[in-house]
N, C-alpha and C. Protein backbone atom coordinates (compact mmCIF):
# COMPACT_ATOMS: atom_id res chain seq x y z
N MET A 1 -82.81 -101.79 30.34
CA MET A 1 -81.38 -102.01 30.51
C MET A 1 -80.74 -101.94 29.13
N ASP A 2 -79.71 -101.14 29.00
CA ASP A 2 -79.08 -101.02 27.68
C ASP A 2 -78.25 -102.26 27.38
N ILE A 3 -77.87 -102.41 26.14
CA ILE A 3 -77.18 -103.60 25.66
C ILE A 3 -75.83 -103.82 26.34
N ASN A 4 -75.11 -102.76 26.66
CA ASN A 4 -73.82 -102.91 27.34
C ASN A 4 -73.97 -103.47 28.75
N LYS A 5 -74.99 -103.00 29.46
CA LYS A 5 -75.23 -103.52 30.81
C LYS A 5 -75.63 -105.00 30.75
N LYS A 6 -76.46 -105.36 29.78
CA LYS A 6 -76.86 -106.76 29.61
C LYS A 6 -75.63 -107.62 29.32
N TYR A 7 -74.79 -107.13 28.42
CA TYR A 7 -73.59 -107.88 28.06
C TYR A 7 -72.69 -108.07 29.28
N ASN A 8 -72.46 -107.00 30.02
CA ASN A 8 -71.59 -107.10 31.20
C ASN A 8 -72.15 -108.04 32.25
N LYS A 9 -73.46 -108.06 32.40
CA LYS A 9 -74.09 -108.97 33.37
C LYS A 9 -73.89 -110.42 32.93
N VAL A 10 -74.13 -110.70 31.65
CA VAL A 10 -73.95 -112.07 31.14
C VAL A 10 -72.48 -112.46 31.22
N ARG A 11 -71.59 -111.57 30.82
CA ARG A 11 -70.15 -111.86 30.84
C ARG A 11 -69.67 -112.16 32.25
N THR A 12 -70.11 -111.39 33.23
CA THR A 12 -69.74 -111.61 34.62
C THR A 12 -70.25 -112.95 35.12
N THR A 13 -71.47 -113.29 34.77
CA THR A 13 -72.05 -114.58 35.19
C THR A 13 -71.28 -115.73 34.58
N VAL A 14 -70.99 -115.66 33.30
CA VAL A 14 -70.26 -116.74 32.63
C VAL A 14 -68.86 -116.88 33.18
N LEU A 15 -68.18 -115.77 33.42
CA LEU A 15 -66.81 -115.83 33.92
C LEU A 15 -66.73 -116.30 35.37
N SER A 16 -67.81 -116.14 36.12
CA SER A 16 -67.78 -116.57 37.52
C SER A 16 -67.98 -118.08 37.67
N HIS A 17 -68.37 -118.76 36.59
CA HIS A 17 -68.55 -120.21 36.61
C HIS A 17 -67.37 -120.87 35.90
N PRO A 18 -66.56 -121.59 36.63
CA PRO A 18 -65.44 -122.24 35.99
C PRO A 18 -65.92 -123.25 34.94
N LYS A 19 -65.18 -123.34 33.86
CA LYS A 19 -65.56 -124.26 32.79
C LYS A 19 -65.25 -125.70 33.18
N ARG A 20 -64.21 -125.90 33.96
CA ARG A 20 -63.80 -127.24 34.33
C ARG A 20 -63.52 -127.26 35.82
N ILE A 21 -64.12 -128.20 36.49
CA ILE A 21 -63.92 -128.33 37.93
C ILE A 21 -62.80 -129.34 38.16
N ASN A 22 -61.78 -128.94 38.88
CA ASN A 22 -60.68 -129.84 39.19
C ASN A 22 -61.08 -130.75 40.33
N THR A 23 -61.22 -132.03 40.01
CA THR A 23 -61.59 -132.99 41.04
C THR A 23 -60.35 -133.42 41.82
N PHE A 24 -60.61 -134.06 42.93
CA PHE A 24 -59.53 -134.41 43.85
C PHE A 24 -59.82 -135.78 44.45
N VAL A 25 -58.82 -136.62 44.48
CA VAL A 25 -58.93 -137.92 45.16
C VAL A 25 -57.97 -137.87 46.34
N PRO A 26 -58.49 -137.98 47.56
CA PRO A 26 -57.61 -137.90 48.73
C PRO A 26 -56.57 -139.02 48.73
N ASN A 27 -55.44 -138.72 49.27
CA ASN A 27 -54.39 -139.70 49.47
C ASN A 27 -53.99 -139.59 50.94
N PRO A 28 -54.64 -140.39 51.80
CA PRO A 28 -54.41 -140.24 53.25
C PRO A 28 -52.94 -140.37 53.61
N THR A 29 -52.53 -139.49 54.50
CA THR A 29 -51.15 -139.48 54.98
C THR A 29 -51.05 -140.30 56.27
N ASP A 30 -49.82 -140.51 56.73
CA ASP A 30 -49.62 -141.19 58.01
C ASP A 30 -50.29 -140.42 59.14
N ASP A 31 -50.23 -139.08 59.07
CA ASP A 31 -50.90 -138.25 60.08
C ASP A 31 -52.41 -138.49 60.07
N ASP A 32 -53.00 -138.61 58.88
CA ASP A 32 -54.43 -138.90 58.78
C ASP A 32 -54.76 -140.23 59.45
N TYR A 33 -53.93 -141.24 59.18
CA TYR A 33 -54.17 -142.55 59.79
C TYR A 33 -53.96 -142.50 61.31
N THR A 34 -53.04 -141.68 61.77
CA THR A 34 -52.85 -141.51 63.21
C THR A 34 -54.10 -140.89 63.83
N LYS A 35 -54.64 -139.84 63.16
CA LYS A 35 -55.88 -139.21 63.64
C LYS A 35 -57.05 -140.18 63.52
N GLY A 36 -57.04 -141.01 62.50
CA GLY A 36 -58.12 -141.96 62.30
C GLY A 36 -59.18 -141.50 61.31
N TYR A 37 -59.01 -140.30 60.77
CA TYR A 37 -60.01 -139.78 59.83
C TYR A 37 -59.39 -138.73 58.94
N LEU A 38 -60.12 -138.39 57.88
CA LEU A 38 -59.78 -137.23 57.06
C LEU A 38 -61.07 -136.52 56.72
N THR A 39 -60.96 -135.26 56.36
CA THR A 39 -62.14 -134.49 55.98
C THR A 39 -62.21 -134.47 54.46
N ARG A 40 -63.38 -134.82 53.93
CA ARG A 40 -63.60 -134.85 52.48
C ARG A 40 -64.59 -133.76 52.11
N PHE A 41 -64.42 -133.20 50.91
CA PHE A 41 -65.22 -132.06 50.47
C PHE A 41 -65.87 -132.36 49.12
N PHE A 42 -67.17 -132.08 49.02
CA PHE A 42 -67.93 -132.37 47.80
C PHE A 42 -68.77 -131.17 47.41
N ILE A 43 -68.90 -130.97 46.09
CA ILE A 43 -69.75 -129.90 45.58
C ILE A 43 -70.65 -130.46 44.47
N GLN A 44 -71.74 -129.73 44.24
CA GLN A 44 -72.66 -130.06 43.16
C GLN A 44 -73.38 -128.78 42.76
N LYS A 45 -73.76 -128.70 41.50
CA LYS A 45 -74.52 -127.54 41.05
C LYS A 45 -75.81 -127.45 41.84
N THR A 46 -76.19 -126.26 42.21
CA THR A 46 -77.37 -126.04 43.03
C THR A 46 -78.67 -126.33 42.31
N ASN A 47 -78.72 -125.99 41.03
CA ASN A 47 -80.00 -126.05 40.30
C ASN A 47 -80.31 -127.39 39.66
N ASP A 48 -79.50 -128.44 39.90
CA ASP A 48 -79.73 -129.73 39.26
C ASP A 48 -79.28 -130.85 40.19
N VAL A 49 -80.24 -131.52 40.83
CA VAL A 49 -79.89 -132.59 41.78
C VAL A 49 -79.30 -133.81 41.09
N GLU A 50 -79.43 -133.88 39.77
CA GLU A 50 -78.86 -135.00 39.01
C GLU A 50 -77.50 -134.65 38.41
N SER A 51 -77.01 -133.44 38.64
CA SER A 51 -75.72 -133.04 38.09
C SER A 51 -74.60 -133.82 38.79
N PRO A 52 -73.44 -133.89 38.15
CA PRO A 52 -72.32 -134.63 38.75
C PRO A 52 -71.93 -134.06 40.12
N ILE A 53 -71.42 -134.95 40.94
CA ILE A 53 -70.88 -134.58 42.25
C ILE A 53 -69.37 -134.63 42.11
N TYR A 54 -68.72 -133.59 42.62
CA TYR A 54 -67.26 -133.50 42.51
C TYR A 54 -66.64 -133.49 43.89
N GLU A 55 -65.61 -134.29 44.06
CA GLU A 55 -64.80 -134.18 45.28
C GLU A 55 -63.68 -133.19 44.97
N VAL A 56 -63.50 -132.24 45.87
CA VAL A 56 -62.54 -131.16 45.63
C VAL A 56 -61.65 -130.96 46.86
N THR A 57 -60.61 -130.18 46.68
CA THR A 57 -59.71 -129.84 47.79
C THR A 57 -60.42 -128.87 48.74
N ALA A 58 -59.86 -128.70 49.90
CA ALA A 58 -60.43 -127.77 50.89
C ALA A 58 -60.44 -126.34 50.34
N SER A 59 -59.37 -125.94 49.65
CA SER A 59 -59.34 -124.56 49.13
C SER A 59 -60.36 -124.37 48.01
N ASN A 60 -60.52 -125.35 47.13
CA ASN A 60 -61.56 -125.23 46.09
C ASN A 60 -62.95 -125.28 46.71
N PHE A 61 -63.10 -126.04 47.76
CA PHE A 61 -64.40 -126.10 48.45
C PHE A 61 -64.78 -124.72 48.96
N ARG A 62 -63.83 -124.02 49.57
CA ARG A 62 -64.10 -122.67 50.06
C ARG A 62 -64.48 -121.74 48.90
N LYS A 63 -63.78 -121.88 47.79
CA LYS A 63 -64.06 -121.05 46.62
C LYS A 63 -65.48 -121.32 46.09
N TYR A 64 -65.84 -122.58 45.94
CA TYR A 64 -67.16 -122.91 45.41
C TYR A 64 -68.27 -122.62 46.42
N SER A 65 -67.95 -122.68 47.69
CA SER A 65 -68.96 -122.38 48.71
C SER A 65 -69.42 -120.94 48.65
N ASN A 66 -68.57 -120.08 48.12
CA ASN A 66 -68.93 -118.67 47.96
C ASN A 66 -69.66 -118.39 46.65
N ASN A 67 -69.89 -119.42 45.86
CA ASN A 67 -70.57 -119.29 44.58
C ASN A 67 -71.98 -119.86 44.73
N GLN A 68 -72.99 -119.05 44.52
CA GLN A 68 -74.37 -119.49 44.72
C GLN A 68 -74.80 -120.57 43.74
N SER A 69 -74.02 -120.81 42.71
CA SER A 69 -74.36 -121.84 41.73
C SER A 69 -74.03 -123.25 42.22
N PHE A 70 -73.33 -123.33 43.37
CA PHE A 70 -72.92 -124.63 43.89
C PHE A 70 -73.32 -124.78 45.35
N LYS A 71 -73.61 -126.02 45.70
CA LYS A 71 -73.81 -126.36 47.11
C LYS A 71 -72.70 -127.34 47.47
N GLY A 72 -72.31 -127.33 48.71
CA GLY A 72 -71.22 -128.19 49.12
C GLY A 72 -71.41 -128.78 50.50
N ILE A 73 -70.73 -129.89 50.71
CA ILE A 73 -70.72 -130.52 52.03
C ILE A 73 -69.30 -130.99 52.33
N SER A 74 -68.98 -130.99 53.59
CA SER A 74 -67.74 -131.62 54.03
C SER A 74 -68.14 -132.71 55.00
N LEU A 75 -67.38 -133.78 54.98
CA LEU A 75 -67.70 -134.85 55.93
C LEU A 75 -66.42 -135.44 56.49
N ARG A 76 -66.56 -135.88 57.72
CA ARG A 76 -65.45 -136.53 58.41
C ARG A 76 -65.50 -138.01 58.06
N TRP A 77 -64.45 -138.49 57.41
CA TRP A 77 -64.40 -139.85 56.88
C TRP A 77 -63.41 -140.67 57.69
N ARG A 78 -63.93 -141.67 58.43
CA ARG A 78 -63.05 -142.50 59.26
C ARG A 78 -62.26 -143.46 58.39
N ILE A 79 -60.97 -143.58 58.69
CA ILE A 79 -60.11 -144.45 57.91
C ILE A 79 -59.34 -145.45 58.79
N ARG A 80 -59.57 -145.35 60.07
CA ARG A 80 -58.90 -146.25 61.00
C ARG A 80 -59.74 -146.43 62.24
N GLY A 81 -59.60 -147.58 62.87
CA GLY A 81 -60.35 -147.88 64.08
C GLY A 81 -61.04 -149.22 63.93
N PRO A 82 -61.87 -149.57 64.89
CA PRO A 82 -62.58 -150.84 64.78
C PRO A 82 -63.52 -150.81 63.58
N LEU A 83 -63.57 -151.91 62.88
CA LEU A 83 -64.40 -151.99 61.69
C LEU A 83 -65.88 -151.90 62.02
N ASP A 84 -66.29 -152.62 63.06
CA ASP A 84 -67.71 -152.66 63.44
C ASP A 84 -67.89 -152.15 64.86
N MET A 85 -69.14 -152.06 65.27
CA MET A 85 -69.46 -151.51 66.59
C MET A 85 -68.76 -152.27 67.71
N VAL A 86 -68.37 -151.48 68.72
CA VAL A 86 -67.73 -152.04 69.91
C VAL A 86 -68.64 -151.77 71.09
N PHE A 87 -68.86 -152.79 71.91
CA PHE A 87 -69.74 -152.70 73.07
C PHE A 87 -68.93 -152.91 74.34
N ASN A 88 -69.37 -152.25 75.42
CA ASN A 88 -68.72 -152.51 76.71
C ASN A 88 -69.45 -153.66 77.41
N ASP A 89 -69.05 -153.95 78.65
CA ASP A 89 -69.63 -155.10 79.36
C ASP A 89 -71.08 -154.87 79.77
N ARG A 90 -71.58 -153.63 79.66
CA ARG A 90 -73.00 -153.35 79.92
C ARG A 90 -73.80 -153.30 78.62
N ASN A 91 -73.18 -153.77 77.54
CA ASN A 91 -73.80 -153.83 76.22
C ASN A 91 -74.14 -152.44 75.65
N GLU A 92 -73.34 -151.44 76.03
CA GLU A 92 -73.49 -150.09 75.50
C GLU A 92 -72.46 -149.89 74.40
N VAL A 93 -72.85 -149.18 73.37
CA VAL A 93 -71.94 -148.91 72.26
C VAL A 93 -70.86 -147.93 72.72
N THR A 94 -69.60 -148.33 72.60
CA THR A 94 -68.50 -147.44 72.95
C THR A 94 -67.83 -146.87 71.70
N ASP A 95 -68.04 -147.51 70.57
CA ASP A 95 -67.51 -147.02 69.29
C ASP A 95 -68.41 -147.57 68.19
N LYS A 96 -68.90 -146.70 67.33
CA LYS A 96 -69.79 -147.14 66.26
C LYS A 96 -69.05 -147.92 65.18
N GLY A 97 -67.75 -147.81 65.14
CA GLY A 97 -66.96 -148.50 64.13
C GLY A 97 -66.88 -147.69 62.85
N VAL A 98 -65.87 -147.99 62.05
CA VAL A 98 -65.63 -147.25 60.82
C VAL A 98 -66.79 -147.41 59.85
N ARG A 99 -67.24 -148.64 59.67
CA ARG A 99 -68.32 -148.91 58.71
C ARG A 99 -69.57 -148.08 59.02
N GLN A 100 -70.04 -148.14 60.26
CA GLN A 100 -71.26 -147.43 60.65
C GLN A 100 -71.05 -145.91 60.68
N SER A 101 -69.89 -145.47 61.15
CA SER A 101 -69.61 -144.02 61.21
C SER A 101 -69.66 -143.41 59.82
N ASN A 102 -69.03 -144.05 58.84
CA ASN A 102 -69.02 -143.52 57.49
C ASN A 102 -70.40 -143.61 56.84
N LYS A 103 -71.15 -144.65 57.15
CA LYS A 103 -72.52 -144.77 56.62
C LYS A 103 -73.37 -143.61 57.15
N ILE A 104 -73.23 -143.31 58.43
CA ILE A 104 -73.97 -142.18 59.02
C ILE A 104 -73.55 -140.87 58.37
N ALA A 105 -72.24 -140.68 58.15
CA ALA A 105 -71.75 -139.45 57.51
C ALA A 105 -72.36 -139.30 56.12
N VAL A 106 -72.44 -140.39 55.36
CA VAL A 106 -73.02 -140.34 54.01
C VAL A 106 -74.52 -140.06 54.10
N ASP A 107 -75.21 -140.67 55.04
CA ASP A 107 -76.65 -140.41 55.20
C ASP A 107 -76.92 -138.94 55.51
N ILE A 108 -76.13 -138.36 56.38
CA ILE A 108 -76.31 -136.94 56.72
C ILE A 108 -75.99 -136.06 55.50
N ALA A 109 -74.92 -136.40 54.80
CA ALA A 109 -74.53 -135.62 53.61
C ALA A 109 -75.61 -135.69 52.53
N SER A 110 -76.31 -136.82 52.44
CA SER A 110 -77.32 -136.98 51.39
C SER A 110 -78.54 -136.09 51.62
N GLU A 111 -78.65 -135.49 52.80
CA GLU A 111 -79.73 -134.53 53.03
C GLU A 111 -79.50 -133.27 52.21
N LYS A 112 -78.24 -132.96 51.94
CA LYS A 112 -77.91 -131.76 51.16
C LYS A 112 -77.58 -132.10 49.71
N ILE A 113 -76.84 -133.18 49.49
CA ILE A 113 -76.51 -133.64 48.15
C ILE A 113 -77.10 -135.03 48.00
N LYS A 114 -78.26 -135.07 47.38
CA LYS A 114 -79.11 -136.27 47.34
C LYS A 114 -78.38 -137.55 46.92
N ASN A 115 -77.64 -137.51 45.85
CA ASN A 115 -77.05 -138.74 45.30
C ASN A 115 -75.62 -139.02 45.75
N ILE A 116 -75.21 -138.44 46.86
CA ILE A 116 -73.85 -138.66 47.34
C ILE A 116 -73.61 -140.14 47.64
N LYS A 117 -74.67 -140.87 47.97
CA LYS A 117 -74.52 -142.31 48.23
C LYS A 117 -74.02 -143.05 47.01
N LEU A 118 -74.39 -142.57 45.83
CA LEU A 118 -73.91 -143.19 44.60
C LEU A 118 -72.42 -142.91 44.38
N TYR A 119 -71.96 -141.78 44.85
CA TYR A 119 -70.55 -141.41 44.71
C TYR A 119 -69.69 -142.13 45.75
N LEU A 120 -70.26 -142.43 46.90
CA LEU A 120 -69.52 -143.05 48.00
C LEU A 120 -70.12 -144.40 48.39
N PRO A 121 -70.13 -145.37 47.48
CA PRO A 121 -70.74 -146.66 47.83
C PRO A 121 -69.88 -147.49 48.78
N ASN A 122 -68.57 -147.25 48.79
CA ASN A 122 -67.65 -148.03 49.61
C ASN A 122 -67.33 -147.27 50.89
N VAL A 123 -68.04 -147.59 51.96
CA VAL A 123 -67.83 -146.87 53.23
C VAL A 123 -66.50 -147.24 53.89
N LEU A 124 -65.79 -148.19 53.30
CA LEU A 124 -64.47 -148.56 53.84
C LEU A 124 -63.33 -148.04 52.96
N GLN A 125 -63.66 -147.11 52.06
CA GLN A 125 -62.62 -146.54 51.21
C GLN A 125 -61.54 -145.91 52.08
N PHE A 126 -60.29 -146.22 51.80
CA PHE A 126 -59.10 -145.75 52.50
C PHE A 126 -58.90 -146.40 53.88
N TYR A 127 -59.77 -147.32 54.27
CA TYR A 127 -59.64 -147.96 55.59
C TYR A 127 -58.36 -148.76 55.69
N LYS A 128 -57.72 -148.66 56.84
CA LYS A 128 -56.52 -149.44 57.12
C LYS A 128 -56.57 -149.90 58.56
N GLU A 129 -56.28 -151.16 58.78
CA GLU A 129 -56.29 -151.70 60.15
C GLU A 129 -55.12 -151.19 60.95
């Protein structure tokens, strides 16, 4: 491979990786609270399970999802509803509750992004009665 082709390959690779990732902190709207949940998006570098985890917007998530250098997950984050499990008169669970639902979402997400639990320790973040 001649030097120009090598240079162009390196230049393309470097330019395809953003130098700074714009993080995002959700600000739930009244509509989100009416729905009872919001969708959150997280990315992490593919080649390093200890690399930082970034929460990003939906549009940035789509952009990074097309980049093989990053892996991403989206999760449905409950922000309203009963805090804990609700049972009917036959002792069957009718609602897992916000606490348990978000814990399950984090557990599932941690299969793809190992340390997401460290990023989301508060399963009641954004919760409102």
